[in-house]
N, C-alpha and C. Protein backbone atom coordinates (compact mmCIF):
# COMPACT_ATOMS: atom_id res chain seq x y z
N MET A 1 -11.67 -7.09 -5.22
CA MET A 1 -12.06 -5.76 -5.56
C MET A 1 -10.82 -4.96 -5.89
N SER A 2 -10.87 -4.21 -6.94
CA SER A 2 -9.76 -3.30 -7.29
C SER A 2 -10.31 -1.90 -7.43
N ALA A 3 -9.38 -1.02 -7.27
CA ALA A 3 -9.75 0.42 -7.38
C ALA A 3 -8.74 1.09 -8.28
N SER A 4 -9.17 2.20 -8.90
CA SER A 4 -8.21 2.90 -9.81
C SER A 4 -7.67 4.14 -9.08
N ILE A 5 -6.56 4.63 -9.59
CA ILE A 5 -5.96 5.83 -9.01
C ILE A 5 -6.22 6.97 -9.93
N SER A 6 -6.79 8.05 -9.46
CA SER A 6 -7.16 9.18 -10.30
C SER A 6 -5.89 9.85 -10.78
N GLY A 7 -6.01 10.48 -11.95
CA GLY A 7 -4.86 11.16 -12.58
C GLY A 7 -4.27 12.23 -11.70
N GLU A 8 -5.08 12.92 -10.90
CA GLU A 8 -4.55 14.00 -10.06
C GLU A 8 -3.64 13.48 -8.93
N LEU A 9 -3.71 12.16 -8.62
CA LEU A 9 -2.85 11.59 -7.61
C LEU A 9 -1.58 10.93 -8.13
N LEU A 10 -1.47 10.81 -9.42
CA LEU A 10 -0.30 10.14 -10.00
C LEU A 10 0.99 10.85 -9.71
N ASP A 11 0.97 12.18 -9.51
CA ASP A 11 2.21 12.85 -9.21
C ASP A 11 2.87 12.39 -7.89
N LEU A 12 2.12 11.75 -7.04
CA LEU A 12 2.66 11.17 -5.81
C LEU A 12 3.77 10.17 -6.15
N PHE A 13 3.70 9.55 -7.31
CA PHE A 13 4.64 8.49 -7.65
C PHE A 13 5.79 9.01 -8.53
N ALA A 14 5.91 10.37 -8.70
CA ALA A 14 7.04 10.92 -9.46
C ALA A 14 8.31 10.87 -8.64
N GLU A 15 8.19 10.68 -7.33
CA GLU A 15 9.31 10.59 -6.42
C GLU A 15 9.12 9.35 -5.57
N PRO A 16 10.17 8.86 -4.90
CA PRO A 16 9.98 7.72 -4.03
C PRO A 16 8.82 8.02 -3.04
N ALA A 17 7.87 7.11 -2.91
CA ALA A 17 6.72 7.38 -2.06
C ALA A 17 6.68 6.43 -0.84
N LEU A 18 6.61 7.06 0.32
CA LEU A 18 6.46 6.31 1.57
C LEU A 18 5.01 6.22 1.87
N GLY A 19 4.53 5.02 2.17
CA GLY A 19 3.15 4.82 2.49
C GLY A 19 2.95 4.02 3.74
N VAL A 20 1.74 3.96 4.17
CA VAL A 20 1.35 3.08 5.29
C VAL A 20 0.23 2.20 4.72
N VAL A 21 0.46 0.89 4.74
CA VAL A 21 -0.54 -0.09 4.29
C VAL A 21 -1.13 -0.68 5.59
N SER A 22 -2.43 -0.80 5.63
CA SER A 22 -3.09 -1.40 6.76
C SER A 22 -3.96 -2.58 6.27
N TYR A 23 -3.99 -3.62 7.02
CA TYR A 23 -4.85 -4.77 6.77
C TYR A 23 -5.46 -5.26 8.11
N THR A 24 -6.44 -6.11 8.03
CA THR A 24 -7.03 -6.64 9.25
C THR A 24 -6.65 -8.09 9.40
N THR A 25 -6.46 -8.47 10.64
CA THR A 25 -6.13 -9.87 10.96
C THR A 25 -7.38 -10.71 11.02
N VAL A 26 -7.27 -11.98 11.19
CA VAL A 26 -8.42 -12.86 11.33
C VAL A 26 -9.27 -12.41 12.52
N ALA A 27 -8.58 -11.96 13.58
CA ALA A 27 -9.28 -11.53 14.81
C ALA A 27 -9.89 -10.14 14.69
N GLY A 28 -9.67 -9.46 13.53
CA GLY A 28 -10.25 -8.13 13.27
C GLY A 28 -9.37 -6.97 13.71
N GLN A 29 -8.15 -7.26 14.16
CA GLN A 29 -7.20 -6.24 14.53
C GLN A 29 -6.65 -5.53 13.27
N ILE A 30 -6.56 -4.23 13.31
CA ILE A 30 -5.96 -3.44 12.22
C ILE A 30 -4.47 -3.38 12.41
N VAL A 31 -3.73 -3.77 11.36
CA VAL A 31 -2.26 -3.79 11.45
C VAL A 31 -1.73 -2.82 10.37
N PRO A 32 -1.17 -1.67 10.79
CA PRO A 32 -0.55 -0.75 9.83
C PRO A 32 0.98 -0.97 9.79
N PHE A 33 1.55 -0.77 8.61
CA PHE A 33 3.01 -0.85 8.54
C PHE A 33 3.51 0.07 7.43
N PRO A 34 4.66 0.74 7.66
CA PRO A 34 5.21 1.62 6.66
C PRO A 34 5.94 0.82 5.57
N VAL A 35 5.73 1.24 4.30
CA VAL A 35 6.42 0.60 3.19
C VAL A 35 6.67 1.62 2.08
N TRP A 36 7.61 1.30 1.23
CA TRP A 36 7.82 2.09 0.03
C TRP A 36 6.73 1.60 -0.98
N VAL A 37 6.09 2.52 -1.64
CA VAL A 37 5.05 2.13 -2.64
C VAL A 37 5.35 2.78 -3.99
N ASP A 38 4.84 2.10 -5.01
CA ASP A 38 5.04 2.55 -6.36
C ASP A 38 3.79 2.20 -7.15
N TYR A 39 3.65 2.75 -8.33
CA TYR A 39 2.52 2.46 -9.22
C TYR A 39 3.05 2.14 -10.57
N ASP A 40 2.66 1.01 -11.13
CA ASP A 40 3.17 0.55 -12.42
C ASP A 40 2.22 0.87 -13.58
N GLY A 41 1.21 1.71 -13.30
CA GLY A 41 0.25 2.04 -14.32
C GLY A 41 -1.05 1.20 -14.21
N THR A 42 -0.93 0.05 -13.53
CA THR A 42 -2.09 -0.81 -13.33
C THR A 42 -2.24 -1.15 -11.83
N HIS A 43 -1.12 -1.46 -11.18
CA HIS A 43 -1.17 -1.94 -9.78
C HIS A 43 -0.37 -1.02 -8.85
N LEU A 44 -0.85 -0.94 -7.69
CA LEU A 44 -0.10 -0.30 -6.62
C LEU A 44 0.83 -1.36 -6.03
N LEU A 45 2.11 -1.05 -5.98
CA LEU A 45 3.12 -2.02 -5.55
C LEU A 45 3.67 -1.58 -4.21
N ALA A 46 3.79 -2.55 -3.27
CA ALA A 46 4.31 -2.27 -1.94
C ALA A 46 5.42 -3.30 -1.68
N SER A 47 6.46 -2.82 -1.04
CA SER A 47 7.58 -3.70 -0.75
C SER A 47 7.27 -4.57 0.48
N SER A 48 7.25 -5.87 0.26
CA SER A 48 7.03 -6.82 1.35
C SER A 48 7.58 -8.16 0.89
N PRO A 49 8.52 -8.72 1.62
CA PRO A 49 9.07 -10.03 1.22
C PRO A 49 7.97 -11.10 1.13
N MET A 50 8.05 -11.98 0.15
CA MET A 50 7.07 -13.02 -0.08
C MET A 50 6.81 -13.88 1.16
N GLY A 51 7.86 -14.24 1.89
CA GLY A 51 7.71 -15.16 3.00
C GLY A 51 7.43 -14.45 4.32
N SER A 52 7.35 -13.14 4.34
CA SER A 52 7.17 -12.43 5.59
C SER A 52 5.75 -12.63 6.14
N LYS A 53 5.57 -12.36 7.40
CA LYS A 53 4.25 -12.50 8.04
C LYS A 53 3.23 -11.58 7.37
N LYS A 54 3.60 -10.35 7.09
CA LYS A 54 2.66 -9.43 6.44
C LYS A 54 2.40 -9.85 4.98
N GLY A 55 3.42 -10.34 4.35
CA GLY A 55 3.24 -10.84 2.95
C GLY A 55 2.22 -12.00 2.84
N ARG A 56 2.37 -12.89 3.81
CA ARG A 56 1.41 -14.06 3.85
C ARG A 56 0.00 -13.56 4.18
N ALA A 57 -0.08 -12.62 5.16
CA ALA A 57 -1.41 -12.09 5.54
C ALA A 57 -2.07 -11.37 4.40
N LEU A 58 -1.30 -10.61 3.59
CA LEU A 58 -1.91 -9.86 2.49
C LEU A 58 -2.38 -10.78 1.36
N ARG A 59 -1.73 -11.93 1.22
CA ARG A 59 -2.25 -12.87 0.21
C ARG A 59 -3.53 -13.53 0.65
N VAL A 60 -3.73 -13.73 1.98
CA VAL A 60 -4.94 -14.29 2.51
C VAL A 60 -6.10 -13.30 2.46
N ARG A 61 -5.78 -12.02 2.89
CA ARG A 61 -6.81 -10.96 2.94
C ARG A 61 -6.25 -9.75 2.20
N PRO A 62 -6.44 -9.68 0.90
CA PRO A 62 -5.84 -8.59 0.12
C PRO A 62 -6.52 -7.26 0.21
N GLN A 63 -7.56 -7.15 1.00
CA GLN A 63 -8.26 -5.85 1.20
C GLN A 63 -7.38 -5.03 2.14
N VAL A 64 -6.96 -3.85 1.66
CA VAL A 64 -6.06 -3.02 2.44
C VAL A 64 -6.50 -1.55 2.36
N GLY A 65 -6.00 -0.78 3.29
CA GLY A 65 -6.07 0.68 3.22
C GLY A 65 -4.66 1.19 2.99
N VAL A 66 -4.53 2.26 2.21
CA VAL A 66 -3.18 2.79 1.92
C VAL A 66 -3.20 4.29 2.09
N VAL A 67 -2.19 4.79 2.76
CA VAL A 67 -1.95 6.23 2.94
C VAL A 67 -0.57 6.51 2.36
N ILE A 68 -0.47 7.47 1.47
CA ILE A 68 0.83 7.82 0.88
C ILE A 68 1.18 9.20 1.37
N VAL A 69 2.44 9.34 1.87
CA VAL A 69 2.93 10.61 2.37
C VAL A 69 3.77 11.28 1.32
N SER A 70 3.41 12.51 0.97
CA SER A 70 4.15 13.28 -0.06
C SER A 70 5.12 14.26 0.65
N ALA A 71 6.38 14.24 0.23
CA ALA A 71 7.32 15.18 0.80
C ALA A 71 7.05 16.60 0.31
N LYS A 72 6.40 16.75 -0.87
CA LYS A 72 6.11 18.07 -1.42
C LYS A 72 4.88 18.69 -0.76
N THR A 73 3.85 17.91 -0.55
CA THR A 73 2.63 18.43 0.07
C THR A 73 2.15 17.49 1.15
N PRO A 74 2.79 17.55 2.33
CA PRO A 74 2.47 16.59 3.40
C PRO A 74 1.08 16.70 3.90
């Protein structure tokens, strides 16, 4: 499943954006972690090394929740 980002939210990516990405484990536990996020016009990009535990978990269960913190309008 994919979702689109509305035009009114695109200004969040005019500056470096700090976000919190959350996913669920196999056991159903919610795991939030802070990351830098960006938007390439099609995809929301989050920094996570390919071999990291969270990187592996996101490839298995790509359904996530994302919160982006704006320094201009917190």
